[in-house]
C-alpha atoms as a PDB file:
ATOM      1  CA  MET A   1      -4.863  22.750  12.831  1.00  0.00           C
ATOM      2  CA  ASN A   2      -5.315  19.950  15.363  1.00  0.00           C
ATOM      3  CA  THR A   3      -3.183  16.861  14.834  1.00  0.00           C
ATOM      4  CA  VAL A   4      -3.757  13.198  15.619  1.00  0.00           C
ATOM      5  CA  PRO A   5      -1.253  10.335  16.083  1.00  0.00           C
ATOM      6  CA  VAL A   6      -0.644   7.798  13.334  1.00  0.00           C
ATOM      7  CA  GLY A   7      -1.593   4.534  14.996  1.00  0.00           C
ATOM      8  CA  ARG A   8       0.885   3.680  17.735  1.00  0.00           C
ATOM      9  CA  SER A   9       3.754   5.590  16.128  1.00  0.00           C
ATOM     10  CA  SER A  10       5.277   8.936  17.096  1.00  0.00           C
ATOM     11  CA  VAL A  11       4.119  10.523  13.818  1.00  0.00           C
ATOM     12  CA  ARG A  12       1.326  13.091  14.098  1.00  0.00           C
ATOM     13  CA  ILE A  13      -0.807  14.335  11.218  1.00  0.00           C
ATOM     14  CA  PRO A  14      -3.365  17.109  10.653  1.00  0.00           C
ATOM     15  CA  ARG A  15      -7.008  16.324   9.994  1.00  0.00           C
ATOM     16  CA  ILE A  16      -6.558  17.468   6.392  1.00  0.00           C
ATOM     17  CA  ALA A  17      -3.905  15.897   4.185  1.00  0.00           C
ATOM     18  CA  PHE A  18      -2.763  17.548   0.958  1.00  0.00           C
ATOM     19  CA  GLY A  19      -2.802  15.202  -2.040  1.00  0.00           C
ATOM     20  CA  GLY A  20       0.113  15.788  -4.385  1.00  0.00           C
ATOM     21  CA  GLY A  21      -1.026  13.564  -7.236  1.00  0.00           C
ATOM     22  CA  CYS A  22      -1.724  16.562  -9.458  1.00  0.00           C
ATOM     23  CA  PHE A  23       1.815  18.003  -9.254  1.00  0.00           C
ATOM     24  CA  GLY A  24       3.252  17.946 -12.760  1.00  0.00           C
ATOM     25  CA  ARG A  25       0.080  16.313 -14.025  1.00  0.00           C
ATOM     26  CA  GLU A  26      -2.745  18.872 -13.789  1.00  0.00           C
ATOM     27  CA  ILE A  27      -0.743  21.789 -12.385  1.00  0.00           C
ATOM     28  CA  ASP A  28       2.797  22.884 -13.184  1.00  0.00           C
ATOM     29  CA  GLU A  29       5.718  23.359 -10.816  1.00  0.00           C
ATOM     30  CA  PRO A  30       5.236  27.081  -9.966  1.00  0.00           C
ATOM     31  CA  GLU A  31       1.551  26.422  -9.196  1.00  0.00           C
ATOM     32  CA  SER A  32       2.517  23.395  -7.114  1.00  0.00           C
ATOM     33  CA  PHE A  33       5.075  25.425  -5.148  1.00  0.00           C
ATOM     34  CA  ALA A  34       2.487  28.136  -4.445  1.00  0.00           C
ATOM     35  CA  LEU A  35      -0.053  25.594  -3.214  1.00  0.00           C
ATOM     36  CA  LEU A  36       2.498  23.854  -1.010  1.00  0.00           C
ATOM     37  CA  ASP A  37       3.462  27.228   0.474  1.00  0.00           C
ATOM     38  CA  TYR A  38      -0.178  28.001   1.214  1.00  0.00           C
ATOM     39  CA  ALA A  39      -0.906  24.549   2.654  1.00  0.00           C
ATOM     40  CA  LEU A  40       2.025  24.769   5.050  1.00  0.00           C
ATOM     41  CA  SER A  41       0.971  28.277   6.130  1.00  0.00           C
ATOM     42  CA  ARG A  42      -2.443  26.857   7.105  1.00  0.00           C
ATOM     43  CA  GLY A  43      -0.981  23.935   9.064  1.00  0.00           C
ATOM     44  CA  LEU A  44      -1.597  21.318   6.371  1.00  0.00           C
ATOM     45  CA  ASN A  45       1.852  19.785   6.583  1.00  0.00           C
ATOM     46  CA  LEU A  46       0.965  16.219   5.560  1.00  0.00           C
ATOM     47  CA  VAL A  47       1.581  15.728   1.830  1.00  0.00           C
ATOM     48  CA  ASP A  48       0.573  12.483   0.138  1.00  0.00           C
ATOM     49  CA  THR A  49       2.360  11.290  -2.977  1.00  0.00           C
ATOM     50  CA  ALA A  50       3.541   8.084  -4.688  1.00  0.00           C
ATOM     51  CA  GLU A  51       6.277   6.857  -6.959  1.00  0.00           C
ATOM     52  CA  SER A  52       3.645   6.394  -9.681  1.00  0.00           C
ATOM     53  CA  TYR A  53       2.250   9.950  -9.556  1.00  0.00           C
ATOM     54  CA  GLY A  54       3.499  12.028 -12.434  1.00  0.00           C
ATOM     55  CA  GLY A  55       2.575  13.628 -15.711  1.00  0.00           C
ATOM     56  CA  GLY A  56       4.756  11.160 -17.580  1.00  0.00           C
ATOM     57  CA  ASN A  57       3.322   8.214 -15.642  1.00  0.00           C
ATOM     58  CA  SER A  58      -0.235   9.285 -16.443  1.00  0.00           C
ATOM     59  CA  ARG A  59       0.567   9.737 -20.123  1.00  0.00           C
ATOM     60  CA  GLU A  60       2.262   6.356 -20.306  1.00  0.00           C
ATOM     61  CA  TYR A  61      -0.621   4.643 -18.468  1.00  0.00           C
ATOM     62  CA  ARG A  62      -3.186   6.079 -20.881  1.00  0.00           C
ATOM     63  CA  ARG A  63      -1.060   4.987 -23.830  1.00  0.00           C
ATOM     64  CA  ARG A  64      -0.553   1.461 -22.480  1.00  0.00           C
ATOM     65  CA  VAL A  65      -4.046   0.743 -21.164  1.00  0.00           C
ATOM     66  CA  TYR A  66      -6.301   2.690 -23.539  1.00  0.00           C
ATOM     67  CA  GLN A  67      -4.049   3.032 -26.598  1.00  0.00           C
ATOM     68  CA  ILE A  68      -4.585   6.794 -26.425  1.00  0.00           C
ATOM     69  CA  ASP A  69      -1.427   8.643 -27.415  1.00  0.00           C
ATOM     70  CA  ASP A  70      -1.876  12.351 -26.777  1.00  0.00           C
ATOM     71  CA  ILE A  71      -0.802  15.085 -24.364  1.00  0.00           C
ATOM     72  CA  ARG A  72      -3.156  16.206 -21.591  1.00  0.00           C
ATOM     73  CA  GLU A  73      -0.699  16.709 -18.737  1.00  0.00           C
ATOM     74  CA  VAL A  74       1.255  19.878 -18.013  1.00  0.00           C
ATOM     75  CA  SER A  75       4.470  17.846 -17.850  1.00  0.00           C
ATOM     76  CA  GLY A  76       5.843  14.593 -19.189  1.00  0.00           C
ATOM     77  CA  GLU A  77       8.214  14.170 -16.234  1.00  0.00           C
ATOM     78  CA  MET A  78       8.084  10.707 -14.669  1.00  0.00           C
ATOM     79  CA  SER A  79       7.319  10.668 -10.915  1.00  0.00           C
ATOM     80  CA  SER A  80       6.870  14.441 -11.121  1.00  0.00           C
ATOM     81  CA  SER A  81       4.884  14.573  -7.868  1.00  0.00           C
ATOM     82  CA  GLU A  82       7.711  13.289  -5.663  1.00  0.00           C
ATOM     83  CA  LYS A  83      10.281  15.316  -7.584  1.00  0.00           C
ATOM     84  CA  ILE A  84       8.361  18.581  -7.269  1.00  0.00           C
ATOM     85  CA  ILE A  85       7.812  18.029  -3.547  1.00  0.00           C
ATOM     86  CA  GLY A  86      11.514  17.299  -3.142  1.00  0.00           C
ATOM     87  CA  ARG A  87      12.553  20.419  -5.042  1.00  0.00           C
ATOM     88  CA  TRP A  88      10.088  22.506  -3.033  1.00  0.00           C
ATOM     89  CA  MET A  89      11.320  21.212   0.329  1.00  0.00           C
ATOM     90  CA  LYS A  90      14.906  21.897  -0.692  1.00  0.00           C
ATOM     91  CA  ALA A  91      14.069  25.412  -1.901  1.00  0.00           C
ATOM     92  CA  ARG A  92      12.136  26.235   1.281  1.00  0.00           C
ATOM     93  CA  ASN A  93      14.438  24.295   3.630  1.00  0.00           C
ATOM     94  CA  CYS A  94      11.367  22.934   5.367  1.00  0.00           C
ATOM     95  CA  ARG A  95      11.753  19.136   5.497  1.00  0.00           C
ATOM     96  CA  ASP A  96      11.593  19.152   9.293  1.00  0.00           C
ATOM     97  CA  LYS A  97       8.179  20.872   9.168  1.00  0.00           C
ATOM     98  CA  MET A  98       6.625  18.328   6.806  1.00  0.00           C
ATOM     99  CA  VAL A  99       5.056  14.895   7.154  1.00  0.00           C
ATOM    100  CA  ILE A 100       5.671  13.007   3.921  1.00  0.00           C
ATOM    101  CA  LEU A 101       3.521  10.031   2.955  1.00  0.00           C
ATOM    102  CA  THR A 102       4.522   8.183  -0.191  1.00  0.00           C
ATOM    103  CA  LYS A 103       3.522   4.858  -1.676  1.00  0.00           C
ATOM    104  CA  PHE A 104       5.160   2.131  -3.748  1.00  0.00           C
ATOM    105  CA  ASN A 105       3.561  -0.158  -6.294  1.00  0.00           C
ATOM    106  CA  THR A 106       6.412  -1.691  -8.300  1.00  0.00           C
ATOM    107  CA  GLY A 107       6.595  -4.900  -6.260  1.00  0.00           C
ATOM    108  CA  GLY A 108       6.377  -6.324  -2.768  1.00  0.00           C
ATOM    109  CA  THR A 109       9.489  -8.448  -2.344  1.00  0.00           C
ATOM    110  CA  ALA A 110      12.046  -7.232   0.182  1.00  0.00           C
ATOM    111  CA  GLU A 111      14.411  -6.260  -2.632  1.00  0.00           C
ATOM    112  CA  GLN A 112      11.676  -4.406  -4.522  1.00  0.00           C
ATOM    113  CA  VAL A 113      10.660  -2.542  -1.370  1.00  0.00           C
ATOM    114  CA  LYS A 114      14.257  -1.485  -0.836  1.00  0.00           C
ATOM    115  CA  ARG A 115      14.656  -0.355  -4.455  1.00  0.00           C
ATOM    116  CA  SER A 116      11.374   1.609  -4.461  1.00  0.00           C
ATOM    117  CA  LEU A 117      12.226   3.272  -1.169  1.00  0.00           C
ATOM    118  CA  GLU A 118      15.660   4.370  -2.367  1.00  0.00           C
ATOM    119  CA  GLY A 119      14.071   5.842  -5.486  1.00  0.00           C
ATOM    120  CA  SER A 120      11.532   7.816  -3.492  1.00  0.00           C
ATOM    121  CA  LEU A 121      14.163   9.073  -1.050  1.00  0.00           C
ATOM    122  CA  GLU A 122      16.246  10.337  -3.955  1.00  0.00           C
ATOM    123  CA  ARG A 123      13.349  12.053  -5.707  1.00  0.00           C
ATOM    124  CA  LEU A 124      12.084  13.625  -2.476  1.00  0.00           C
ATOM    125  CA  GLN A 125      15.642  14.688  -1.552  1.00  0.00           C
ATOM    126  CA  THR A 126      15.315  13.359   1.983  1.00  0.00           C
ATOM    127  CA  ASP A 127      16.832  10.591   4.063  1.00  0.00           C
ATOM    128  CA  TYR A 128      13.589   9.360   5.624  1.00  0.00           C
ATOM    129  CA  ILE A 129       9.889   8.913   4.868  1.00  0.00           C
ATOM    130  CA  ASP A 130       7.356   9.605   7.623  1.00  0.00           C
ATOM    131  CA  ILE A 131       4.691   7.173   6.363  1.00  0.00           C
ATOM    132  CA  TYR A 132       5.503   4.559   3.718  1.00  0.00           C
ATOM    133  CA  MET A 133       2.636   2.579   2.207  1.00  0.00           C
ATOM    134  CA  LEU A 134       1.928  -0.223  -0.197  1.00  0.00           C
ATOM    135  CA  HIS A 135      -0.103   1.474  -2.925  1.00  0.00           C
ATOM    136  CA  THR A 136      -2.023  -1.744  -3.598  1.00  0.00           C
ATOM    137  CA  PRO A 137      -1.841  -5.347  -2.378  1.00  0.00           C
ATOM    138  CA  PHE A 138       0.719  -7.562  -4.125  1.00  0.00           C
ATOM    139  CA  SER A 139      -1.180 -10.778  -4.702  1.00  0.00           C
ATOM    140  CA  GLY A 140       1.868 -12.741  -5.840  1.00  0.00           C
ATOM    141  CA  VAL A 141       4.017 -11.899  -2.815  1.00  0.00           C
ATOM    142  CA  PRO A 142       3.350 -13.142   0.752  1.00  0.00           C
ATOM    143  CA  ILE A 143       2.629 -10.181   3.036  1.00  0.00           C
ATOM    144  CA  ARG A 144       5.303 -11.557   5.360  1.00  0.00           C
ATOM    145  CA  GLU A 145       8.010 -10.816   2.809  1.00  0.00           C
ATOM    146  CA  THR A 146       6.772  -7.281   2.207  1.00  0.00           C
ATOM    147  CA  LEU A 147       6.574  -6.624   5.945  1.00  0.00           C
ATOM    148  CA  GLU A 148      10.107  -7.919   6.379  1.00  0.00           C
ATOM    149  CA  GLY A 149      11.329  -5.406   3.808  1.00  0.00           C
ATOM    150  CA  LEU A 150       9.407  -2.587   5.462  1.00  0.00           C
ATOM    151  CA  THR A 151      10.608  -3.608   8.932  1.00  0.00           C
ATOM    152  CA  ALA A 152      14.204  -3.413   7.728  1.00  0.00           C
ATOM    153  CA  ALA A 153      13.521   0.118   6.476  1.00  0.00           C
ATOM    154  CA  VAL A 154      12.032   1.124   9.831  1.00  0.00           C
ATOM    155  CA  LYS A 155      14.996  -0.311  11.748  1.00  0.00           C
ATOM    156  CA  ALA A 156      17.388   1.547   9.425  1.00  0.00           C
ATOM    157  CA  GLY A 157      15.656   4.839  10.260  1.00  0.00           C
ATOM    158  CA  LYS A 158      14.501   5.380   6.680  1.00  0.00           C
ATOM    159  CA  VAL A 159      10.788   5.000   7.495  1.00  0.00           C
ATOM    160  CA  ARG A 160       8.968   6.174  10.628  1.00  0.00           C
ATOM    161  CA  ALA A 161       5.646   4.332  10.153  1.00  0.00           C
ATOM    162  CA  ILE A 162       4.229   1.932   7.577  1.00  0.00           C
ATOM    163  CA  GLY A 163       0.787   1.473   6.141  1.00  0.00           C
ATOM    164  CA  CYS A 164      -1.284   0.290   3.203  1.00  0.00           C
ATOM    165  CA  SER A 165      -3.567   1.801   0.608  1.00  0.00           C
ATOM    166  CA  ASN A 166      -6.562   0.116  -1.038  1.00  0.00           C
ATOM    167  CA  PHE A 167      -6.486  -2.874   1.346  1.00  0.00           C
ATOM    168  CA  SER A 168      -9.632  -4.756   2.242  1.00  0.00           C
ATOM    169  CA  LEU A 169     -10.379  -5.415   5.901  1.00  0.00           C
ATOM    170  CA  LYS A 170      -9.429  -9.062   5.354  1.00  0.00           C
ATOM    171  CA  LEU A 171      -5.989  -8.150   3.997  1.00  0.00           C
ATOM    172  CA  LEU A 172      -5.335  -5.592   6.735  1.00  0.00           C
ATOM    173  CA  ARG A 173      -6.238  -8.138   9.411  1.00  0.00           C
ATOM    174  CA  GLU A 174      -3.923 -10.665   7.780  1.00  0.00           C
ATOM    175  CA  ALA A 175      -1.060  -8.139   7.775  1.00  0.00           C
ATOM    176  CA  HIS A 176      -1.643  -7.375  11.450  1.00  0.00           C
ATOM    177  CA  GLY A 177      -1.706 -11.069  12.317  1.00  0.00           C
ATOM    178  CA  VAL A 178       1.570 -11.769  10.515  1.00  0.00           C
ATOM    179  CA  ALA A 179       3.257  -8.743  12.099  1.00  0.00           C
ATOM    180  CA  ALA A 180       2.167  -9.800  15.586  1.00  0.00           C
ATOM    181  CA  GLU A 181       3.229 -13.404  15.083  1.00  0.00           C
ATOM    182  CA  LEU A 182       6.675 -12.630  13.648  1.00  0.00           C
ATOM    183  CA  GLY A 183       7.469  -9.416  15.506  1.00  0.00           C
ATOM    184  CA  LEU A 184       7.468  -7.285  12.354  1.00  0.00           C
ATOM    185  CA  ALA A 185       6.497  -3.651  11.854  1.00  0.00           C
ATOM    186  CA  ARG A 186       2.749  -3.122  12.149  1.00  0.00           C
ATOM    187  CA  MET A 187       0.531  -1.330   9.652  1.00  0.00           C
ATOM    188  CA  GLU A 188      -0.185   1.884  11.561  1.00  0.00           C
ATOM    189  CA  ALA A 189      -2.268   3.563   8.853  1.00  0.00           C
ATOM    190  CA  THR A 190      -4.465   2.677   5.927  1.00  0.00           C
ATOM    191  CA  GLU A 191      -5.666   4.764   3.016  1.00  0.00           C
ATOM    192  CA  PRO A 192      -9.081   3.777   1.639  1.00  0.00           C
ATOM    193  CA  PRO A 193     -11.363   5.750  -0.670  1.00  0.00           C
ATOM    194  CA  PHE A 194     -14.338   7.210   1.179  1.00  0.00           C
ATOM    195  CA  SER A 195     -17.094   9.424  -0.162  1.00  0.00           C
ATOM    196  CA  LEU A 196     -20.816   9.488  -0.819  1.00  0.00           C
ATOM    197  CA  ALA A 197     -20.018   7.788  -4.125  1.00  0.00           C
ATOM    198  CA  ASP A 198     -17.805   5.089  -2.597  1.00  0.00           C
ATOM    199  CA  ALA A 199     -18.557   4.378   1.058  1.00  0.00           C
ATOM    200  CA  ALA A 200     -17.484   0.739   1.207  1.00  0.00           C
ATOM    201  CA  ALA A 201     -15.137   1.463   4.129  1.00  0.00           C
ATOM    202  CA  ARG A 202     -17.939   2.734   6.348  1.00  0.00           C
ATOM    203  CA  ASP A 203     -19.470  -0.432   7.766  1.00  0.00           C
ATOM    204  CA  GLU A 204     -16.427  -2.602   8.578  1.00  0.00           C
ATOM    205  CA  LEU A 205     -13.028  -1.056   7.830  1.00  0.00           C
ATOM    206  CA  LEU A 206     -13.503   2.225   9.723  1.00  0.00           C
ATOM    207  CA  PRO A 207     -14.865   0.553  12.892  1.00  0.00           C
ATOM    208  CA  TYR A 208     -12.014  -1.978  12.858  1.00  0.00           C
ATOM    209  CA  CYS A 209      -9.377   0.743  12.501  1.00  0.00           C
ATOM    210  CA  LEU A 210     -10.961   2.777  15.294  1.00  0.00           C
ATOM    211  CA  ARG A 211     -10.947  -0.257  17.579  1.00  0.00           C
ATOM    212  CA  GLU A 212      -7.409  -1.357  16.713  1.00  0.00           C
ATOM    213  CA  ASN A 213      -5.853   2.125  16.778  1.00  0.00           C
ATOM    214  CA  VAL A 214      -5.060   2.245  13.067  1.00  0.00           C
ATOM    215  CA  SER A 215      -5.177   5.667  11.436  1.00  0.00           C
ATOM    216  CA  THR A 216      -7.375   6.042   8.373  1.00  0.00           C
ATOM    217  CA  ILE A 217      -6.326   8.668   5.858  1.00  0.00           C
ATOM    218  CA  THR A 218      -9.276   8.532   3.504  1.00  0.00           C
ATOM    219  CA  TYR A 219      -8.955   9.751  -0.066  1.00  0.00           C
ATOM    220  CA  SER A 220     -11.277  11.043  -2.799  1.00  0.00           C
ATOM    221  CA  PRO A 221     -13.840  12.673  -0.440  1.00  0.00           C
ATOM    222  CA  LEU A 222     -15.379  14.227  -3.553  1.00  0.00           C
ATOM    223  CA  ALA A 223     -14.961  11.093  -5.679  1.00  0.00           C
ATOM    224  CA  ALA A 224     -12.297  12.746  -7.854  1.00  0.00           C
ATOM    225  CA  GLY A 225     -14.686  15.674  -8.355  1.00  0.00           C
ATOM    226  CA  PHE A 226     -17.637  13.543  -9.429  1.00  0.00           C
ATOM    227  CA  ILE A 227     -19.684  14.370  -6.353  1.00  0.00           C
ATOM    228  CA  THR A 228     -19.502  18.122  -7.084  1.00  0.00           C
ATOM    229  CA  GLY A 229     -21.978  17.686  -9.935  1.00  0.00           C
ATOM    230  CA  LYS A 230     -19.667  18.869 -12.721  1.00  0.00           C
ATOM    231  CA  TYR A 231     -20.173  15.696 -14.782  1.00  0.00           C
ATOM    232  CA  ALA A 232     -23.364  14.614 -16.528  1.00  0.00           C
ATOM    233  CA  LYS A 233     -24.544  11.486 -18.269  1.00  0.00           C
ATOM    234  CA  ASP A 234     -23.640  11.234 -21.950  1.00  0.00           C
ATOM    235  CA  GLN A 235     -21.792  14.554 -21.944  1.00  0.00           C
ATOM    236  CA  PRO A 236     -18.135  15.146 -22.869  1.00  0.00           C
ATOM    237  CA  ILE A 237     -15.664  15.130 -19.998  1.00  0.00           C
ATOM    238  CA  PRO A 238     -14.389  18.692 -19.397  1.00  0.00           C
ATOM    239  CA  LYS A 239     -10.821  18.975 -20.603  1.00  0.00           C
ATOM    240  CA  GLY A 240      -8.143  19.179 -17.934  1.00  0.00           C
ATOM    241  CA  THR A 241     -10.306  17.610 -15.222  1.00  0.00           C
ATOM    242  CA  ARG A 242      -9.293  14.521 -13.266  1.00  0.00           C
ATOM    243  CA  PHE A 243     -11.541  12.261 -15.357  1.00  0.00           C
ATOM    244  CA  ASP A 244      -9.965  13.609 -18.539  1.00  0.00           C
ATOM    245  CA  ILE A 245      -6.408  13.027 -17.319  1.00  0.00           C
ATOM    246  CA  VAL A 246      -7.170   9.689 -15.625  1.00  0.00           C
ATOM    247  CA  PRO A 247     -10.050   8.107 -17.608  1.00  0.00           C
ATOM    248  CA  GLY A 248     -10.146   5.041 -15.368  1.00  0.00           C
ATOM    249  CA  HIS A 249     -12.109   7.061 -12.809  1.00  0.00           C
ATOM    250  CA  ILE A 250     -15.054   6.989 -15.216  1.00  0.00           C
ATOM    251  CA  ASP A 251     -15.735   3.326 -14.534  1.00  0.00           C
ATOM    252  CA  VAL A 252     -15.185   3.750 -10.802  1.00  0.00           C
ATOM    253  CA  TYR A 253     -17.806   6.443 -10.272  1.00  0.00           C
ATOM    254  CA  PHE A 254     -20.122   6.734 -13.295  1.00  0.00           C
ATOM    255  CA  SER A 255     -23.154   4.680 -12.314  1.00  0.00           C
ATOM    256  CA  ASP A 256     -26.871   5.365 -12.117  1.00  0.00           C
ATOM    257  CA  ARG A 257     -26.684   5.014  -8.341  1.00  0.00           C
ATOM    258  CA  ASN A 258     -24.009   7.675  -8.024  1.00  0.00           C
ATOM    259  CA  PHE A 259     -25.738  10.104 -10.364  1.00  0.00           C
ATOM    260  CA  TRP A 260     -28.827   9.671  -8.167  1.00  0.00           C
ATOM    261  CA  VAL A 261     -26.768  10.463  -5.046  1.00  0.00           C
ATOM    262  CA  VAL A 262     -25.386  13.600  -6.720  1.00  0.00           C
ATOM    263  CA  GLU A 263     -28.932  14.820  -7.381  1.00  0.00           C
ATOM    264  CA  GLN A 264     -29.906  14.272  -3.727  1.00  0.00           C
ATOM    265  CA  LEU A 265     -26.817  16.209  -2.659  1.00  0.00           C
ATOM    266  CA  ARG A 266     -27.666  19.011  -5.084  1.00  0.00           C
ATOM    267  CA  LYS A 267     -31.126  19.374  -3.507  1.00  0.00           C
ATOM    268  CA  LEU A 268     -29.789  19.278   0.062  1.00  0.00           C
ATOM    269  CA  SER A 269     -27.057  21.812  -0.684  1.00  0.00           C
ATOM    270  CA  ALA A 270     -29.622  24.175  -2.170  1.00  0.00           C
ATOM    271  CA  GLU A 271     -31.731  23.834   0.991  1.00  0.00           C
ATOM    272  CA  MET A 272     -28.730  24.608   3.185  1.00  0.00           C
ATOM    273  CA  GLY A 273     -27.359  27.356   0.961  1.00  0.00           C
ATOM    274  CA  LEU A 274     -23.943  25.693   0.877  1.00  0.00           C
ATOM    275  CA  PRO A 275     -21.782  24.333  -1.949  1.00  0.00           C
ATOM    276  CA  MET A 276     -22.167  20.645  -2.713  1.00  0.00           C
ATOM    277  CA  ALA A 277     -18.451  20.021  -2.209  1.00  0.00           C
ATOM    278  CA  LYS A 278     -18.449  21.498   1.270  1.00  0.00           C
ATOM    279  CA  VAL A 279     -21.477  19.486   2.440  1.00  0.00           C
ATOM    280  CA  ALA A 280     -20.144  16.234   0.971  1.00  0.00           C
ATOM    281  CA  MET A 281     -16.731  16.705   2.551  1.00  0.00           C
ATOM    282  CA  ALA A 282     -18.184  17.649   5.940  1.00  0.00           C
ATOM    283  CA  TRP A 283     -20.087  14.341   5.903  1.00  0.00           C
ATOM    284  CA  VAL A 284     -16.765  12.505   5.486  1.00  0.00           C
ATOM    285  CA  PHE A 285     -15.046  14.447   8.281  1.00  0.00           C
ATOM    286  CA  GLN A 286     -17.821  13.633  10.758  1.00  0.00           C
ATOM    287  CA  HIS A 287     -17.462   9.872  10.480  1.00  0.00           C
ATOM    288  CA  PRO A 288     -15.902   8.163  13.514  1.00  0.00           C
ATOM    289  CA  GLY A 289     -12.681   6.455  12.560  1.00  0.00           C
ATOM    290  CA  VAL A 290     -11.628   8.988   9.916  1.00  0.00           C
ATOM    291  CA  SER A 291      -8.278  10.323  11.133  1.00  0.00           C
ATOM    292  CA  SER A 292      -7.435  12.593   8.213  1.00  0.00           C
ATOM    293  CA  VAL A 293      -9.020  13.384   4.867  1.00  0.00           C
ATOM    294  CA  LEU A 294      -6.816  13.516   1.795  1.00  0.00           C
ATOM    295  CA  VAL A 295      -7.703  16.476  -0.419  1.00  0.00           C
ATOM    296  CA  GLY A 296      -6.461  16.985  -3.946  1.00  0.00           C
ATOM    297  CA  ALA A 297      -6.199  20.654  -4.904  1.00  0.00           C
ATOM    298  CA  ARG A 298      -5.420  22.500  -8.112  1.00  0.00           C
ATOM    299  CA  HIS A 299      -5.875  25.935  -6.610  1.00  0.00           C
ATOM    300  CA  GLN A 300      -6.046  27.632  -3.221  1.00  0.00           C
ATOM    301  CA  GLY A 301      -9.852  27.610  -3.175  1.00  0.00           C
ATOM    302  CA  HIS A 302      -9.880  23.813  -3.000  1.00  0.00           C
ATOM    303  CA  LEU A 303      -7.828  23.895   0.193  1.00  0.00           C
ATOM    304  CA  ASP A 304      -9.980  26.683   1.653  1.00  0.00           C
ATOM    305  CA  SER A 305     -13.104  24.637   0.913  1.00  0.00           C
ATOM    306  CA  ALA A 306     -11.635  21.638   2.754  1.00  0.00           C
ATOM    307  CA  ILE A 307     -10.719  23.780   5.766  1.00  0.00           C
ATOM    308  CA  GLU A 308     -14.241  25.212   5.857  1.00  0.00           C
ATOM    309  CA  ALA A 309     -15.776  21.737   5.500  1.00  0.00           C
ATOM    310  CA  HIS A 310     -13.687  20.522   8.435  1.00  0.00           C
ATOM    311  CA  ALA A 311     -15.071  23.364  10.534  1.00  0.00           C
ATOM    312  CA  LEU A 312     -18.661  22.764   9.400  1.00  0.00           C
ATOM    313  CA  ALA A 313     -20.607  20.872  12.060  1.00  0.00           C
ATOM    314  CA  LEU A 314     -23.471  19.194  10.258  1.00  0.00           C
ATOM    315  CA  ASP A 315     -26.582  18.497  12.279  1.00  0.00           C
ATOM    316  CA  PRO A 316     -26.732  14.766  13.146  1.00  0.00           C
ATOM    317  CA  ALA A 317     -30.081  14.586  11.357  1.00  0.00           C
ATOM    318  CA  ILE A 318     -28.431  15.858   8.172  1.00  0.00           C
ATOM    319  CA  VAL A 319     -25.611  13.307   8.510  1.00  0.00           C
ATOM    320  CA  ALA A 320     -28.192  10.541   8.968  1.00  0.00           C
ATOM    321  CA  ARG A 321     -30.182  11.769   5.968  1.00  0.00           C
ATOM    322  CA  MET A 322     -27.081  11.706   3.769  1.00  0.00           C
ATOM    323  CA  THR A 323     -26.085   8.280   5.032  1.00  0.00           C
ATOM    324  CA  GLU A 324     -29.505   6.914   4.110  1.00  0.00           C
ATOM    325  CA  TRP A 325     -28.748   7.733   0.469  1.00  0.00           C
ATOM    326  CA  LEU A 326     -26.140   4.981   0.492  1.00  0.00           C
ATOM    327  CA  TYR A 327     -28.862   2.435   1.143  1.00  0.00           C
ATOM    328  CA  GLU A 328     -31.800   4.041  -0.653  1.00  0.00           C
ATOM    329  CA  ALA A 329     -29.858   4.295  -3.910  1.00  0.00           C
ATOM    330  CA  HIS A 330     -29.949   1.050  -5.833  1.00  0.00           C
ATOM    331  CA  ASP A 331     -26.635  -0.758  -5.554  1.00  0.00           C
ATOM    332  CA  ASP A 332     -27.722  -3.356  -8.101  1.00  0.00           C
ATOM    333  CA  VAL A 333     -28.204  -0.827 -10.905  1.00  0.00           C
ATOM    334  CA  PRO A 334     -25.524  -1.624 -13.502  1.00  0.00           C
ATOM    335  CA  ARG A 335     -22.921   0.940 -14.471  1.00  0.00           C
ATOM    336  CA  LEU A 336     -23.775   3.045 -17.506  1.00  0.00           C
ATOM    337  CA  THR A 337     -21.616   0.983 -19.860  1.00  0.00           C
ATOM    338  CA  SER A 338     -18.408  -1.010 -19.759  1.00  0.00           C
ATOM    339  CA  LEU A 339     -15.146   0.804 -19.085  1.00  0.00           C
ATOM    340  CA  GLU A 340     -14.107   0.414 -22.712  1.00  0.00           C
ATOM    341  CA  GLY A 341     -17.454   1.725 -23.887  1.00  0.00           C
ATOM    342  CA  ASN A 342     -17.207   4.780 -21.655  1.00  0.00           C
ATOM    343  CA  ILE A 343     -13.671   5.604 -22.725  1.00  0.00           C
ATOM    344  CA  LEU A 344     -14.382   5.259 -26.432  1.00  0.00           C
ATOM    345  CA  LYS A 345     -17.624   7.198 -26.173  1.00  0.00           C
ATOM    346  CA  PHE A 346     -16.035  10.145 -24.425  1.00  0.00           C
ATOM    347  CA  GLU A 347     -12.963  10.063 -26.670  1.00  0.00           C
ATOM    348  CA  ARG A 348     -15.171  10.353 -29.740  1.00  0.00           C
ATOM    349  CA  LYS A 349     -17.056  13.287 -28.226  1.00  0.00           C
ATOM    350  CA  VAL A 350     -13.840  15.052 -27.273  1.00  0.00           C
ATOM    351  CA  ALA A 351     -12.418  14.509 -30.740  1.00  0.00           C
ATOM    352  CA  ALA A 352     -15.570  15.880 -32.355  1.00  0.00           C
ATOM    353  CA  SER A 353     -15.751  18.955 -30.117  1.00  0.00           C
END
């Protein structure tokens, strides 16, 4: 698979990135190993993970935020994603073939950055991270301090390139300004969500990154599976799916506007004789400024679908038609209910089923 540079760094990445958030959460270790083997055999050597990805982390989050104390994950291991990737790389002796992207979210002070990095290095069983990102902005910490911690890691050879996830254009510009002014490491990559159900990055962030030579590794091209049409209004969430394991996605994507977009995609896919997932993902790939698309996979078919979508050249008229949905659908339509209402409603239905 063709590779592209990460910003101005020496790191190169394939156009498809493999999301490891499901390792130890939706799929167990043997399944994860098999998928990693297959991904590497197809040239998908960029694996995305985070210190917060794990079956135990997901279980604890659901307990803390929603007061739901049950078992839906295949493992209760904390940070299972990084640990499984680390065990796989050690078993296959393939660290030099991989590009590892991991993220931290436990704090943005220089000391917290150092502590998070050391934890990830230990779990991944490596002495360097290719791309190290803030998982979210740290509102209580000046970006200067976080960049100083990351710059120290780069100078020590523990990180090859830095970046940010879930940053607005304003915050990314601020980070670039501080780095230029103080001679600190520059954000070479950013990781925003981007799909037909969440295209906020399209009008400003993607053009800025293209102009400033910042790589965009977009995630959730299928809106955590929502855009495939498997979910319906007022119906129970299928057990074992992403929305079942991580209920917070319900409030992110369940809106009248997005259900309308899914129906338009269903009609177009039927016209083209292609799966909805493949058409939706091809639309993402064909946007200027998208360097790589992060794909979560629970089985080999998900990776195959992404590879086929990357190769699918949609007619420009089809791309334009799909893009019009973003503006024809009514952005001011309120979400179905509040987050709490959605969670409780679906929990009751699951319990009764």
